Amino acid sequence: MLKPTMRLKQRYVLFKVQVPKINHESNHENNLSYEEIHRLIYGSLRSLYGDVGVYPMGYRIMEYDEKTGYGIVRFSRRYIMEGIAALALITERTDKTNKTNKIRLTCIGTSGTIKKLKEKYILSK
């Protein structure tokens, strides 16, 4: 086991998926699945930093609730700002019928642990 000083430090980002009200008028499903969120975030990271730049970020979706739209994603501490930038640049998604819908991923907060992230931002509401 590695000493704590030798381990890579991680940071967790709480985000919320927001769908504009104009999209609710359509008959299409507006809740994004885990797979869609992963595809959107990874695609944004790849378009900004390439495959070689994404690897050291330590990107991983830790949790995602399809009903509420809240999710937690992990990044390496060194690349937290790059990860937040990639989340902020996600502005649209393509549904199963190849129709483009506008969405927004809003970063709500960051923390060093998932427990503190939930206490600070989700449970305080």
C-alpha atoms as a PDB file:
ATOM      1  CA  MET A   1       0.000   0.000   0.000  1.00  0.00           C
ATOM      2  CA  LEU A   2       1.263   3.463  -0.875  1.00  0.00           C
ATOM      3  CA  LYS A   3       1.919   6.096   1.718  1.00  0.00           C
ATOM      4  CA  PRO A   4      -0.645   8.935   1.715  1.00  0.00           C
ATOM      5  CA  THR A   5       1.969  11.387   0.450  1.00  0.00           C
ATOM      6  CA  MET A   6       2.661   9.215  -2.613  1.00  0.00           C
ATOM      7  CA  ARG A   7      -0.967   8.631  -3.634  1.00  0.00           C
ATOM      8  CA  LEU A   8      -2.545  10.727  -6.340  1.00  0.00           C
ATOM      9  CA  LYS A   9      -5.021  13.160  -4.827  1.00  0.00           C
ATOM     10  CA  GLN A  10      -8.520  13.203  -6.267  1.00  0.00           C
ATOM     11  CA  ARG A  11     -11.209  15.884  -6.301  1.00  0.00           C
ATOM     12  CA  TYR A  12     -14.897  15.353  -6.816  1.00  0.00           C
ATOM     13  CA  VAL A  13     -17.181  17.688  -8.752  1.00  0.00           C
ATOM     14  CA  LEU A  14     -20.939  17.818  -8.214  1.00  0.00           C
ATOM     15  CA  PHE A  15     -22.834  18.725 -11.378  1.00  0.00           C
ATOM     16  CA  LYS A  16     -26.454  19.057 -12.416  1.00  0.00           C
ATOM     17  CA  VAL A  17     -27.887  18.406 -15.848  1.00  0.00           C
ATOM     18  CA  GLN A  18     -30.390  21.078 -16.838  1.00  0.00           C
ATOM     19  CA  VAL A  19     -32.748  20.787 -19.793  1.00  0.00           C
ATOM     20  CA  PRO A  20     -34.372  24.045 -20.992  1.00  0.00           C
ATOM     21  CA  LYS A  21     -38.183  24.185 -20.756  1.00  0.00           C
ATOM     22  CA  ILE A  22     -38.510  24.492 -24.530  1.00  0.00           C
ATOM     23  CA  ASN A  23     -37.261  20.896 -24.810  1.00  0.00           C
ATOM     24  CA  HIS A  24     -39.986  19.636 -22.445  1.00  0.00           C
ATOM     25  CA  GLU A  25     -42.627  20.300 -25.113  1.00  0.00           C
ATOM     26  CA  SER A  26     -41.281  17.530 -27.297  1.00  0.00           C
ATOM     27  CA  ASN A  27     -42.321  13.913 -26.809  1.00  0.00           C
ATOM     28  CA  HIS A  28     -38.713  12.807 -26.434  1.00  0.00           C
ATOM     29  CA  GLU A  29     -37.233  11.678 -23.168  1.00  0.00           C
ATOM     30  CA  ASN A  30     -35.299  14.491 -21.507  1.00  0.00           C
ATOM     31  CA  ASN A  31     -33.601  12.503 -18.734  1.00  0.00           C
ATOM     32  CA  LEU A  32     -30.106  11.475 -19.684  1.00  0.00           C
ATOM     33  CA  SER A  33     -28.912   7.977 -18.867  1.00  0.00           C
ATOM     34  CA  TYR A  34     -25.563   7.140 -17.285  1.00  0.00           C
ATOM     35  CA  GLU A  35     -24.236   6.040 -20.682  1.00  0.00           C
ATOM     36  CA  GLU A  36     -25.276   9.308 -22.349  1.00  0.00           C
ATOM     37  CA  ILE A  37     -23.645  11.389 -19.607  1.00  0.00           C
ATOM     38  CA  HIS A  38     -20.447   9.364 -19.878  1.00  0.00           C
ATOM     39  CA  ARG A  39     -20.421   9.745 -23.658  1.00  0.00           C
ATOM     40  CA  LEU A  40     -21.010  13.519 -23.456  1.00  0.00           C
ATOM     41  CA  ILE A  41     -18.365  14.177 -20.782  1.00  0.00           C
ATOM     42  CA  TYR A  42     -15.742  11.905 -22.334  1.00  0.00           C
ATOM     43  CA  GLY A  43     -16.421  13.404 -25.775  1.00  0.00           C
ATOM     44  CA  SER A  44     -15.973  16.907 -24.407  1.00  0.00           C
ATOM     45  CA  LEU A  45     -12.718  15.955 -22.674  1.00  0.00           C
ATOM     46  CA  ARG A  46     -11.393  14.272 -25.830  1.00  0.00           C
ATOM     47  CA  SER A  47     -12.273  17.203 -28.075  1.00  0.00           C
ATOM     48  CA  LEU A  48     -10.491  19.633 -25.744  1.00  0.00           C
ATOM     49  CA  TYR A  49      -7.430  17.639 -24.660  1.00  0.00           C
ATOM     50  CA  GLY A  50      -7.195  14.552 -26.885  1.00  0.00           C
ATOM     51  CA  ASP A  51      -6.734  10.952 -25.757  1.00  0.00           C
ATOM     52  CA  VAL A  52      -3.274  11.613 -24.357  1.00  0.00           C
ATOM     53  CA  GLY A  53      -4.514  14.572 -22.326  1.00  0.00           C
ATOM     54  CA  VAL A  54      -7.541  12.752 -20.887  1.00  0.00           C
ATOM     55  CA  TYR A  55      -5.616   9.822 -19.409  1.00  0.00           C
ATOM     56  CA  PRO A  56      -3.759  11.671 -16.597  1.00  0.00           C
ATOM     57  CA  MET A  57      -6.970  13.470 -15.525  1.00  0.00           C
ATOM     58  CA  GLY A  58      -8.220  10.343 -13.765  1.00  0.00           C
ATOM     59  CA  TYR A  59     -11.748  10.978 -15.057  1.00  0.00           C
ATOM     60  CA  ARG A  60     -14.514   8.771 -13.688  1.00  0.00           C
ATOM     61  CA  ILE A  61     -18.222   9.215 -13.055  1.00  0.00           C
ATOM     62  CA  MET A  62     -18.761   8.155  -9.460  1.00  0.00           C
ATOM     63  CA  GLU A  63     -22.530   8.640  -9.206  1.00  0.00           C
ATOM     64  CA  TYR A  64     -25.336   9.846 -11.402  1.00  0.00           C
ATOM     65  CA  ASP A  65     -29.053  10.047 -10.588  1.00  0.00           C
ATOM     66  CA  GLU A  66     -31.173  10.082 -13.754  1.00  0.00           C
ATOM     67  CA  LYS A  67     -34.279  11.364 -11.958  1.00  0.00           C
ATOM     68  CA  THR A  68     -32.745  14.445 -10.339  1.00  0.00           C
ATOM     69  CA  GLY A  69     -29.968  15.066 -12.868  1.00  0.00           C
ATOM     70  CA  TYR A  70     -27.287  15.320 -10.163  1.00  0.00           C
ATOM     71  CA  GLY A  71     -23.975  13.568 -10.651  1.00  0.00           C
ATOM     72  CA  ILE A  72     -20.504  13.329  -9.164  1.00  0.00           C
ATOM     73  CA  VAL A  73     -17.426  13.045 -11.332  1.00  0.00           C
ATOM     74  CA  ARG A  74     -13.840  12.509 -10.169  1.00  0.00           C
ATOM     75  CA  PHE A  75     -10.717  14.168 -11.511  1.00  0.00           C
ATOM     76  CA  SER A  76      -7.106  14.238 -10.445  1.00  0.00           C
ATOM     77  CA  ARG A  77      -6.423  17.279  -8.260  1.00  0.00           C
ATOM     78  CA  ARG A  78      -3.966  18.662 -10.789  1.00  0.00           C
ATOM     79  CA  TYR A  79      -6.571  18.676 -13.579  1.00  0.00           C
ATOM     80  CA  ILE A  80      -9.696  19.804 -11.743  1.00  0.00           C
ATOM     81  CA  MET A  81     -10.041  23.103 -13.624  1.00  0.00           C
ATOM     82  CA  GLU A  82      -9.656  21.402 -16.998  1.00  0.00           C
ATOM     83  CA  GLY A  83     -12.384  18.945 -16.029  1.00  0.00           C
ATOM     84  CA  ILE A  84     -14.746  21.713 -14.954  1.00  0.00           C
ATOM     85  CA  ALA A  85     -14.098  23.524 -18.237  1.00  0.00           C
ATOM     86  CA  ALA A  86     -14.995  20.387 -20.203  1.00  0.00           C
ATOM     87  CA  LEU A  87     -18.246  20.019 -18.239  1.00  0.00           C
ATOM     88  CA  ALA A  88     -19.176  23.635 -18.871  1.00  0.00           C
ATOM     89  CA  LEU A  89     -18.702  23.256 -22.637  1.00  0.00           C
ATOM     90  CA  ILE A  90     -21.369  20.568 -22.983  1.00  0.00           C
ATOM     91  CA  THR A  91     -24.328  22.391 -24.508  1.00  0.00           C
ATOM     92  CA  GLU A  92     -26.301  19.863 -26.565  1.00  0.00           C
ATOM     93  CA  ARG A  93     -27.061  16.198 -26.960  1.00  0.00           C
ATOM     94  CA  THR A  94     -28.365  14.064 -29.794  1.00  0.00           C
ATOM     95  CA  ASP A  95     -31.248  11.725 -28.950  1.00  0.00           C
ATOM     96  CA  LYS A  96     -32.124   8.372 -30.529  1.00  0.00           C
ATOM     97  CA  THR A  97     -33.898  10.036 -33.455  1.00  0.00           C
ATOM     98  CA  ASN A  98     -30.793  12.166 -34.233  1.00  0.00           C
ATOM     99  CA  LYS A  99     -32.561  15.290 -33.028  1.00  0.00           C
ATOM    100  CA  THR A 100     -30.331  17.778 -31.227  1.00  0.00           C
ATOM    101  CA  ASN A 101     -31.557  19.079 -27.871  1.00  0.00           C
ATOM    102  CA  LYS A 102     -29.963  21.811 -25.810  1.00  0.00           C
ATOM    103  CA  ILE A 103     -28.731  20.909 -22.329  1.00  0.00           C
ATOM    104  CA  ARG A 104     -26.467  22.477 -19.739  1.00  0.00           C
ATOM    105  CA  LEU A 105     -24.147  20.876 -17.207  1.00  0.00           C
ATOM    106  CA  THR A 106     -23.715  23.192 -14.242  1.00  0.00           C
ATOM    107  CA  CYS A 107     -20.879  22.614 -11.791  1.00  0.00           C
ATOM    108  CA  ILE A 108     -22.254  23.141  -8.311  1.00  0.00           C
ATOM    109  CA  GLY A 109     -19.161  22.519  -6.203  1.00  0.00           C
ATOM    110  CA  THR A 110     -15.975  20.565  -5.574  1.00  0.00           C
ATOM    111  CA  SER A 111     -14.592  18.665  -2.616  1.00  0.00           C
ATOM    112  CA  GLY A 112     -11.903  16.193  -1.635  1.00  0.00           C
ATOM    113  CA  THR A 113     -14.418  13.538  -0.527  1.00  0.00           C
ATOM    114  CA  ILE A 114     -17.818  12.440  -1.762  1.00  0.00           C
ATOM    115  CA  LYS A 115     -19.224  12.543   1.761  1.00  0.00           C
ATOM    116  CA  LYS A 116     -18.316  16.206   2.274  1.00  0.00           C
ATOM    117  CA  LEU A 117     -19.548  17.081  -1.204  1.00  0.00           C
ATOM    118  CA  LYS A 118     -22.982  15.649  -0.397  1.00  0.00           C
ATOM    119  CA  GLU A 119     -23.089  17.271   3.054  1.00  0.00           C
ATOM    120  CA  LYS A 120     -22.112  20.672   1.751  1.00  0.00           C
ATOM    121  CA  TYR A 121     -24.169  20.944  -1.410  1.00  0.00           C
ATOM    122  CA  ILE A 122     -26.954  18.350  -1.511  1.00  0.00           C
ATOM    123  CA  LEU A 123     -28.050  18.001   2.109  1.00  0.00           C
ATOM    124  CA  SER A 124     -27.898  21.746   2.765  1.00  0.00           C
ATOM    125  CA  LYS A 125     -30.800  22.397   0.340  1.00  0.00           C
END
